[in-house]
C-alpha atoms as a PDB file:
ATOM      1  CA  MET A   1       5.649  43.080   1.824  1.00  0.00           C
ATOM      2  CA  ALA A   2       6.517  39.418   1.717  1.00  0.00           C
ATOM      3  CA  LYS A   3       6.231  37.319   4.825  1.00  0.00           C
ATOM      4  CA  LYS A   4       9.344  36.139   6.574  1.00  0.00           C
ATOM      5  CA  GLY A   5       9.974  32.519   7.549  1.00  0.00           C
ATOM      6  CA  SER A   6       9.358  29.205   5.826  1.00  0.00           C
ATOM      7  CA  ALA A   7       6.760  28.634   3.141  1.00  0.00           C
ATOM      8  CA  LYS A   8       3.339  28.157   4.602  1.00  0.00           C
ATOM      9  CA  ASN A   9       2.148  24.814   3.334  1.00  0.00           C
ATOM     10  CA  THR A  10       5.133  22.847   2.044  1.00  0.00           C
ATOM     11  CA  LYS A  11       6.001  20.800   5.129  1.00  0.00           C
ATOM     12  CA  ASN A  12       2.448  19.589   5.628  1.00  0.00           C
ATOM     13  CA  LYS A  13       2.020  18.716   1.941  1.00  0.00           C
ATOM     14  CA  ALA A  14       5.248  16.755   1.897  1.00  0.00           C
ATOM     15  CA  LEU A  15       4.249  14.820   5.014  1.00  0.00           C
ATOM     16  CA  HIS A  16       0.774  14.145   3.661  1.00  0.00           C
ATOM     17  CA  SER A  17       2.033  12.848   0.337  1.00  0.00           C
ATOM     18  CA  LYS A  18       4.569  10.654   2.127  1.00  0.00           C
ATOM     19  CA  LEU A  19       1.833   9.159   4.308  1.00  0.00           C
ATOM     20  CA  MET A  20      -0.472   8.616   1.334  1.00  0.00           C
ATOM     21  CA  GLU A  21       2.312   6.779  -0.545  1.00  0.00           C
ATOM     22  CA  ARG A  22       2.821   4.540   2.487  1.00  0.00           C
ATOM     23  CA  LYS A  23      -0.902   3.837   2.574  1.00  0.00           C
ATOM     24  CA  LYS A  24      -0.999   2.975  -1.148  1.00  0.00           C
ATOM     25  CA  ASN A  25       2.009   0.695  -0.806  1.00  0.00           C
ATOM     26  CA  LYS A  26       0.512  -1.065   2.192  1.00  0.00           C
ATOM     27  CA  LEU A  27      -2.805  -1.657   0.409  1.00  0.00           C
ATOM     28  CA  ARG A  28      -1.039  -2.938  -2.675  1.00  0.00           C
ATOM     29  CA  ASP A  29       1.129  -5.332  -0.621  1.00  0.00           C
ATOM     30  CA  GLU A  30      -1.919  -6.603   1.265  1.00  0.00           C
ATOM     31  CA  LYS A  31      -3.768  -7.168  -2.002  1.00  0.00           C
ATOM     32  CA  ILE A  32      -0.840  -9.147  -3.440  1.00  0.00           C
ATOM     33  CA  ALA A  33      -0.493 -11.223  -0.268  1.00  0.00           C
ATOM     34  CA  HIS A  34      -4.207 -12.001  -0.317  1.00  0.00           C
ATOM     35  CA  LYS A  35      -4.014 -13.164  -3.948  1.00  0.00           C
ATOM     36  CA  GLU A  36      -1.057 -15.405  -3.135  1.00  0.00           C
ATOM     37  CA  LYS A  37      -2.928 -16.956  -0.199  1.00  0.00           C
ATOM     38  CA  LEU A  38      -5.933 -17.668  -2.402  1.00  0.00           C
ATOM     39  CA  ARG A  39      -3.727 -19.183  -5.104  1.00  0.00           C
ATOM     40  CA  ALA A  40      -2.094 -21.459  -2.518  1.00  0.00           C
ATOM     41  CA  ILE A  41      -5.500 -22.577  -1.213  1.00  0.00           C
ATOM     42  CA  ILE A  42      -6.767 -23.260  -4.751  1.00  0.00           C
ATOM     43  CA  LYS A  43      -3.617 -25.164  -5.666  1.00  0.00           C
ATOM     44  CA  LYS A  44      -3.844 -27.272  -2.498  1.00  0.00           C
ATOM     45  CA  SER A  45      -7.506 -28.100  -3.127  1.00  0.00           C
ATOM     46  CA  GLN A  46      -6.741 -29.037  -6.743  1.00  0.00           C
ATOM     47  CA  GLU A  47      -3.971 -31.350  -5.596  1.00  0.00           C
ATOM     48  CA  ASN A  48      -6.351 -33.033  -3.149  1.00  0.00           C
ATOM     49  CA  THR A  49      -8.986 -33.546  -5.814  1.00  0.00           C
ATOM     50  CA  ASN A  50      -6.455 -35.013  -8.255  1.00  0.00           C
ATOM     51  CA  LEU A  51      -5.476 -37.737  -5.797  1.00  0.00           C
END
């Protein structure tokens, strides 16, 4: 006999994958922001040395 009620593992899997996507997006955004900060610092130092 089949069990009654909702499927056993679907809610938890959906929540987990949603959280993992958020984590990936956050890490990617932080990585991009870090690169931009470094570029700005390098550009500023190059401008100072060119003067």
